[in-house]
Amino acid sequence: MRAKPSDAKLIDLFLDMLAAEQGAGDNTLDAYRRDLTDFSEFLAAKSQSFVGAETQSLRDYLADLDTRGFKSSSVARRLSAMRHLFRFLLNERIRRDDPAAILSGPKRGRGLPKVLSISDVDRLLTRAKTLTEEADTSPQERLRTIRLYCLLEVLYATGLRVSELVALPLSAARSDARMIVVRGKGNKERLVPLNEASRRAMADYLAAMEALKASKKKNAAASKWLFPSFGESGHLTRQHFARDLKELAASAGLAPRLVSPHVLRHAFASHLLHNGADLRIVQTLLGHTDISTTQIYTHVVEERLKSLVRDLHPLAER
């Protein structure tokens, strides 16, 4: 009789499938691994495994998550991971049934994204620009402030995901570039336009890097990244940028808890829609596969339509 594969082995096989067939990125794979490992540990405590678990065991796990204080959105994500896993096990004939097929997830409302106002973003950009012009900083610190200003300008100009932003190639900063090719989720590529402010910020940042390199008189190996780092990734990390951004928010008089790279991505989309951009265009710029993901911003469109009717309809005052 053939031995049953361990849960750890099944998780590895499942993640290999996601990477190979669906082009899942590292962040997605890491999230699946964490969620499924937690589920496996719950089953192991009951002397069960993925191969033999029944629907009731899955319900017990979801109830345990609720007891542990997980938000409904987190429980729904765990359930989604379980559904994908058991569908995979069924397709691979490791199981003959799918115990997750009849489970229903927690009811959850979709909250509106946090959005900075246009004046808030302007305060951030103005403060970041001011920091680059301070004379009493070291060359390394000045480069750091110029990098942060560049990151901020590019993020607000393009609405990139933070993982896409920090992994931009050096070629994105070409002086004649009007569009950049961005590799997003599922390894899919899309074209995103740059505005004059973001191109100028990238040019100034590259000039500052070259000046610092020349002052050190060292022939350091050229990096392929626009925002290089000494870490394993080779480029600036998402966490590092997020920390710098919160420090900037505090110095600009904004609450750091309300400011993050993702909030600026929301601001990019919301401000475009507020000024009349088409929802489909915004979907393309954000790299959303499904229009329903972009429709979370329709509250902005609705408010704009209300104001148009209120301000422009000839009988609005009746």
Protein backbone atom coordinates (compact mmCIF):
# COMPACT_ATOMS: atom_id res chain seq x y z
CA MET A 1 0.00 0.00 0.00
CA ARG A 2 1.43 3.39 -1.05
CA ALA A 3 2.18 5.78 1.83
CA LYS A 4 0.07 8.93 1.98
CA PRO A 5 2.00 12.13 1.26
CA SER A 6 2.53 14.44 4.21
CA ASP A 7 0.74 17.76 4.47
CA ALA A 8 4.04 19.59 4.03
CA LYS A 9 4.70 17.71 0.78
CA LEU A 10 1.19 18.45 -0.47
CA ILE A 11 1.62 22.16 0.30
CA ASP A 12 4.86 22.16 -1.73
CA LEU A 13 3.15 20.42 -4.67
CA PHE A 14 0.21 22.80 -4.51
CA LEU A 15 2.45 25.88 -4.46
CA ASP A 16 4.51 24.51 -7.35
CA MET A 17 1.29 24.22 -9.35
CA LEU A 18 0.27 27.81 -8.51
CA ALA A 19 3.67 29.13 -9.56
CA ALA A 20 3.88 27.10 -12.77
CA GLU A 21 0.29 27.23 -14.04
CA GLN A 22 -1.03 30.50 -12.63
CA GLY A 23 2.16 32.53 -12.37
CA ALA A 24 1.60 33.25 -8.66
CA GLY A 25 4.17 35.65 -7.21
CA ASP A 26 6.32 35.18 -4.12
CA ASN A 27 4.00 37.18 -1.86
CA THR A 28 0.98 35.12 -2.91
CA LEU A 29 2.85 31.85 -2.42
CA ASP A 30 4.09 32.93 1.01
CA ALA A 31 0.53 33.81 2.07
CA TYR A 32 -0.81 30.45 0.91
CA ARG A 33 1.99 28.62 2.71
CA ARG A 34 1.31 30.43 6.00
CA ASP A 35 -2.45 29.84 5.82
CA LEU A 36 -2.22 26.17 4.86
CA THR A 37 0.53 25.44 7.40
CA ASP A 38 -1.69 26.85 10.13
CA PHE A 39 -4.58 24.69 8.90
CA SER A 40 -2.32 21.62 8.81
CA GLU A 41 -1.21 22.22 12.41
CA PHE A 42 -4.86 22.45 13.49
CA LEU A 43 -5.61 19.11 11.81
CA ALA A 44 -2.48 17.48 13.25
CA ALA A 45 -3.65 18.36 16.77
CA LYS A 46 -6.71 16.23 16.00
CA SER A 47 -4.60 13.44 14.44
CA GLN A 48 -5.90 14.33 10.97
CA SER A 49 -4.36 15.44 7.68
CA PHE A 50 -5.33 16.97 4.34
CA VAL A 51 -5.93 13.56 2.80
CA GLY A 52 -8.43 12.36 5.41
CA ALA A 53 -10.01 15.60 6.68
CA GLU A 54 -13.79 15.81 6.46
CA THR A 55 -16.06 18.83 6.03
CA GLN A 56 -16.77 19.06 9.76
CA SER A 57 -13.05 19.39 10.48
CA LEU A 58 -12.92 22.32 8.10
CA ARG A 59 -15.89 23.92 9.84
CA ASP A 60 -14.17 23.39 13.19
CA TYR A 61 -11.08 25.16 11.87
CA LEU A 62 -13.08 28.16 10.66
CA ALA A 63 -14.78 28.33 14.07
CA ASP A 64 -11.35 28.19 15.73
CA LEU A 65 -10.20 31.15 13.62
CA ASP A 66 -13.23 33.09 14.80
CA THR A 67 -12.43 32.19 18.41
CA ARG A 68 -8.88 33.43 17.90
CA GLY A 69 -10.25 36.81 16.84
CA PHE A 70 -9.56 36.66 13.11
CA LYS A 71 -11.39 39.25 11.03
CA SER A 72 -14.00 38.00 8.57
CA SER A 73 -11.73 39.02 5.69
CA SER A 74 -8.91 36.84 7.08
CA VAL A 75 -11.25 33.89 7.63
CA ALA A 76 -12.51 34.26 4.05
CA ARG A 77 -8.92 34.23 2.78
CA ARG A 78 -8.14 31.03 4.74
CA LEU A 79 -11.29 29.41 3.35
CA SER A 80 -10.25 30.39 -0.17
CA ALA A 81 -6.86 28.75 0.37
CA MET A 82 -8.55 25.57 1.60
CA ARG A 83 -10.90 25.48 -1.38
CA HIS A 84 -8.02 25.85 -3.82
CA LEU A 85 -6.03 23.17 -2.03
CA PHE A 86 -8.79 20.55 -1.95
CA ARG A 87 -9.74 21.25 -5.56
CA PHE A 88 -6.09 20.59 -6.42
CA LEU A 89 -6.06 17.35 -4.41
CA LEU A 90 -9.23 16.21 -6.19
CA ASN A 91 -7.85 17.04 -9.64
CA GLU A 92 -4.63 15.18 -8.84
CA ARG A 93 -6.66 12.18 -7.59
CA ILE A 94 -5.02 12.38 -4.19
CA ARG A 95 -8.54 12.63 -2.79
CA ARG A 96 -11.80 11.29 -4.19
CA ASP A 97 -13.91 14.12 -2.82
CA ASP A 98 -13.76 17.84 -2.01
CA PRO A 99 -14.70 18.50 1.63
CA ALA A 100 -14.56 22.28 1.09
CA ALA A 101 -17.07 22.34 -1.79
CA ILE A 102 -20.15 22.90 0.38
CA LEU A 103 -18.61 25.34 2.87
CA SER A 104 -19.87 28.91 2.95
CA GLY A 105 -17.66 31.77 4.00
CA PRO A 106 -18.34 34.53 6.51
CA LYS A 107 -20.47 37.42 5.36
CA ARG A 108 -18.41 40.53 4.98
CA GLY A 109 -18.95 43.97 3.68
CA ARG A 110 -16.38 45.47 1.42
CA GLY A 111 -15.03 48.58 3.10
CA LEU A 112 -14.04 51.64 1.19
CA PRO A 113 -10.30 52.11 0.72
CA LYS A 114 -8.50 54.75 2.74
CA VAL A 115 -7.86 57.69 0.44
CA LEU A 116 -5.72 60.77 0.92
CA SER A 117 -7.09 64.04 -0.38
CA ILE A 118 -5.33 65.85 -3.19
CA SER A 119 -4.13 68.47 -0.67
CA ASP A 120 -2.74 65.69 1.57
CA VAL A 121 -0.75 64.23 -1.31
CA ASP A 122 0.46 67.71 -2.21
CA ARG A 123 1.67 68.16 1.39
CA LEU A 124 3.61 64.90 1.17
CA LEU A 125 5.20 65.82 -2.15
CA THR A 126 6.04 69.34 -0.99
CA ARG A 127 7.63 68.07 2.23
CA ALA A 128 9.59 65.38 0.37
CA LYS A 129 10.87 67.99 -2.11
CA THR A 130 11.85 70.33 0.73
CA LEU A 131 13.90 67.60 2.40
CA THR A 132 15.94 67.12 -0.80
CA GLU A 133 16.94 70.80 -0.72
CA GLU A 134 18.28 70.94 2.85
CA ALA A 135 21.94 71.95 2.75
CA ASP A 136 23.13 70.51 6.07
CA THR A 137 22.80 66.83 5.16
CA SER A 138 25.45 64.31 4.17
CA PRO A 139 25.65 63.10 0.55
CA GLN A 140 24.22 59.72 1.59
CA GLU A 141 21.31 61.32 3.44
CA ARG A 142 20.61 63.66 0.54
CA LEU A 143 20.50 60.69 -1.83
CA ARG A 144 18.05 58.99 0.53
CA THR A 145 15.73 62.01 0.49
CA ILE A 146 15.96 62.30 -3.30
CA ARG A 147 15.15 58.61 -3.62
CA LEU A 148 12.10 58.98 -1.40
CA TYR A 149 10.87 61.97 -3.41
CA CYS A 150 11.38 59.99 -6.63
CA LEU A 151 9.48 56.99 -5.25
CA LEU A 152 6.63 59.23 -4.17
CA GLU A 153 6.37 61.04 -7.51
CA VAL A 154 6.43 57.80 -9.50
CA LEU A 155 3.93 56.07 -7.22
CA TYR A 156 1.40 58.91 -7.39
CA ALA A 157 1.93 59.30 -11.15
CA THR A 158 1.42 55.61 -11.95
CA GLY A 159 -0.53 53.89 -9.16
CA LEU A 160 1.89 50.97 -9.18
CA ARG A 161 1.73 48.27 -6.54
CA VAL A 162 4.57 48.81 -4.09
CA SER A 163 6.15 45.49 -5.13
CA GLU A 164 6.12 46.72 -8.75
CA LEU A 165 7.51 50.12 -7.81
CA VAL A 166 10.56 48.98 -5.82
CA ALA A 167 11.39 46.40 -8.51
CA LEU A 168 11.45 48.85 -11.41
CA PRO A 169 14.43 48.26 -13.70
CA LEU A 170 17.02 50.96 -14.30
CA SER A 171 15.76 51.24 -17.89
CA ALA A 172 12.52 52.78 -16.57
CA ALA A 173 14.44 56.02 -15.96
CA ARG A 174 15.41 56.65 -19.58
CA SER A 175 15.16 60.35 -20.32
CA ASP A 176 12.98 59.75 -23.39
CA ALA A 177 10.64 57.29 -21.66
CA ARG A 178 6.98 58.28 -21.84
CA MET A 179 5.73 54.83 -20.90
CA ILE A 180 7.20 52.02 -18.78
CA VAL A 181 6.58 48.31 -18.98
CA VAL A 182 5.51 46.95 -15.61
CA ARG A 183 5.53 43.28 -14.70
CA GLY A 184 2.63 42.73 -12.32
CA LYS A 185 0.74 39.88 -10.69
CA GLY A 186 0.84 36.56 -12.54
CA ASN A 187 3.94 37.84 -14.40
CA LYS A 188 1.62 39.87 -16.66
CA GLU A 189 3.02 42.97 -18.33
CA ARG A 190 1.24 46.29 -18.86
CA LEU A 191 2.18 49.73 -20.14
CA VAL A 192 1.92 52.63 -17.70
CA PRO A 193 2.45 56.28 -18.71
CA LEU A 194 4.81 58.62 -16.86
CA ASN A 195 4.17 62.32 -16.32
CA GLU A 196 6.76 65.06 -16.53
CA ALA A 197 7.17 65.34 -12.74
CA SER A 198 7.98 61.63 -12.33
CA ARG A 199 10.45 61.65 -15.23
CA ARG A 200 12.20 64.70 -13.80
CA ALA A 201 12.33 63.11 -10.33
CA MET A 202 13.91 59.97 -11.76
CA ALA A 203 16.48 61.98 -13.70
CA ASP A 204 17.45 63.97 -10.59
CA TYR A 205 17.69 60.76 -8.56
CA LEU A 206 19.97 59.10 -11.13
CA ALA A 207 22.17 62.20 -11.26
CA ALA A 208 22.50 62.16 -7.47
CA MET A 209 23.45 58.47 -7.51
CA GLU A 210 26.11 59.08 -10.16
CA ALA A 211 27.49 62.07 -8.24
CA LEU A 212 27.80 60.07 -5.03
CA LYS A 213 29.43 57.19 -6.88
CA ALA A 214 31.94 59.55 -8.50
CA SER A 215 32.79 61.17 -5.15
CA LYS A 216 33.67 57.77 -3.71
CA LYS A 217 35.88 56.99 -6.73
CA LYS A 218 34.86 53.37 -6.67
CA ASN A 219 33.83 51.30 -9.66
CA ALA A 220 30.91 49.56 -8.00
CA ALA A 221 29.13 46.91 -10.00
CA ALA A 222 26.20 48.40 -11.89
CA SER A 223 22.77 47.33 -10.65
CA LYS A 224 19.89 46.50 -12.96
CA TRP A 225 17.43 48.05 -10.50
CA LEU A 226 16.32 51.68 -10.38
CA PHE A 227 16.26 51.51 -6.56
CA PRO A 228 19.17 49.17 -5.71
CA SER A 229 19.86 47.72 -2.30
CA PHE A 230 22.40 45.45 -0.67
CA GLY A 231 19.77 42.93 0.44
CA GLU A 232 18.94 39.57 -1.09
CA SER A 233 16.33 41.03 -3.45
CA GLY A 234 18.88 43.40 -4.94
CA HIS A 235 16.43 46.28 -4.76
CA LEU A 236 14.78 48.40 -2.07
CA THR A 237 12.27 46.42 -0.01
CA ARG A 238 8.57 47.24 0.36
CA GLN A 239 9.01 47.45 4.14
CA HIS A 240 11.86 49.96 3.90
CA PHE A 241 9.87 52.25 1.62
CA ALA A 242 6.79 51.98 3.86
CA ARG A 243 8.85 53.01 6.91
CA ASP A 244 10.36 55.99 5.09
CA LEU A 245 6.91 57.04 3.91
CA LYS A 246 5.47 57.01 7.43
CA GLU A 247 8.38 59.13 8.67
CA LEU A 248 7.70 61.57 5.86
CA ALA A 249 3.98 61.66 6.73
CA ALA A 250 4.79 62.54 10.35
CA SER A 251 7.14 65.35 9.30
CA ALA A 252 4.44 66.65 6.92
CA GLY A 253 1.90 66.81 9.74
CA LEU A 254 -0.14 63.80 8.58
CA ALA A 255 -1.06 60.79 10.72
CA PRO A 256 1.45 58.04 9.80
CA ARG A 257 -1.18 55.32 10.33
CA LEU A 258 -3.20 56.80 7.45
CA VAL A 259 -0.31 56.83 4.98
CA SER A 260 1.16 53.83 3.18
CA PRO A 261 2.23 52.93 -0.38
CA HIS A 262 -1.11 51.19 -0.91
CA VAL A 263 -3.05 54.24 0.29
CA LEU A 264 -1.21 56.32 -2.33
CA ARG A 265 -2.19 53.76 -4.96
CA HIS A 266 -5.80 54.26 -3.84
CA ALA A 267 -5.30 58.03 -4.06
CA PHE A 268 -4.02 57.70 -7.63
CA ALA A 269 -7.14 55.78 -8.71
CA SER A 270 -9.64 57.87 -6.76
CA HIS A 271 -8.24 61.19 -7.92
CA LEU A 272 -8.28 60.06 -11.56
CA LEU A 273 -11.91 59.01 -11.29
CA HIS A 274 -12.84 62.18 -9.46
CA ASN A 275 -11.47 64.16 -12.40
CA GLY A 276 -13.44 62.17 -14.97
CA ALA A 277 -11.24 59.20 -15.92
CA ASP A 278 -12.99 56.13 -17.33
CA LEU A 279 -13.22 53.18 -14.93
CA ARG A 280 -11.87 50.77 -17.58
CA ILE A 281 -8.81 52.95 -18.10
CA VAL A 282 -8.14 53.01 -14.37
CA GLN A 283 -8.55 49.22 -14.29
CA THR A 284 -5.86 48.88 -16.97
CA LEU A 285 -3.49 51.29 -15.21
CA LEU A 286 -3.87 49.48 -11.88
CA GLY A 287 -3.35 46.08 -13.48
CA HIS A 288 -6.67 44.66 -12.22
CA THR A 289 -7.74 41.52 -14.07
CA ASP A 290 -11.38 41.89 -13.04
CA ILE A 291 -13.33 45.15 -13.28
CA SER A 292 -15.11 44.25 -10.03
CA THR A 293 -11.83 44.90 -8.18
CA THR A 294 -11.68 48.42 -9.59
CA GLN A 295 -15.34 49.07 -8.85
CA ILE A 296 -14.49 49.59 -5.18
CA TYR A 297 -13.65 53.14 -6.30
CA THR A 298 -17.09 53.81 -7.79
CA HIS A 299 -18.08 55.68 -4.63
CA VAL A 300 -15.83 58.44 -5.96
CA VAL A 301 -17.69 58.46 -9.28
CA GLU A 302 -21.05 58.48 -7.51
CA GLU A 303 -20.08 61.48 -5.39
CA ARG A 304 -18.86 63.32 -8.48
CA LEU A 305 -22.11 62.62 -10.34
CA LYS A 306 -24.14 63.88 -7.39
CA SER A 307 -22.13 67.10 -7.29
CA LEU A 308 -22.52 67.57 -11.06
CA VAL A 309 -26.30 67.23 -10.84
CA ARG A 310 -26.43 69.50 -7.80
CA ASP A 311 -24.25 72.19 -9.36
CA LEU A 312 -25.21 72.02 -13.03
CA HIS A 313 -28.82 70.84 -13.29
CA PRO A 314 -31.01 73.87 -14.16
CA LEU A 315 -33.77 72.78 -11.74
CA ALA A 316 -31.52 71.56 -8.92
CA GLU A 317 -32.55 74.40 -6.60
CA ARG A 318 -36.29 73.73 -6.83
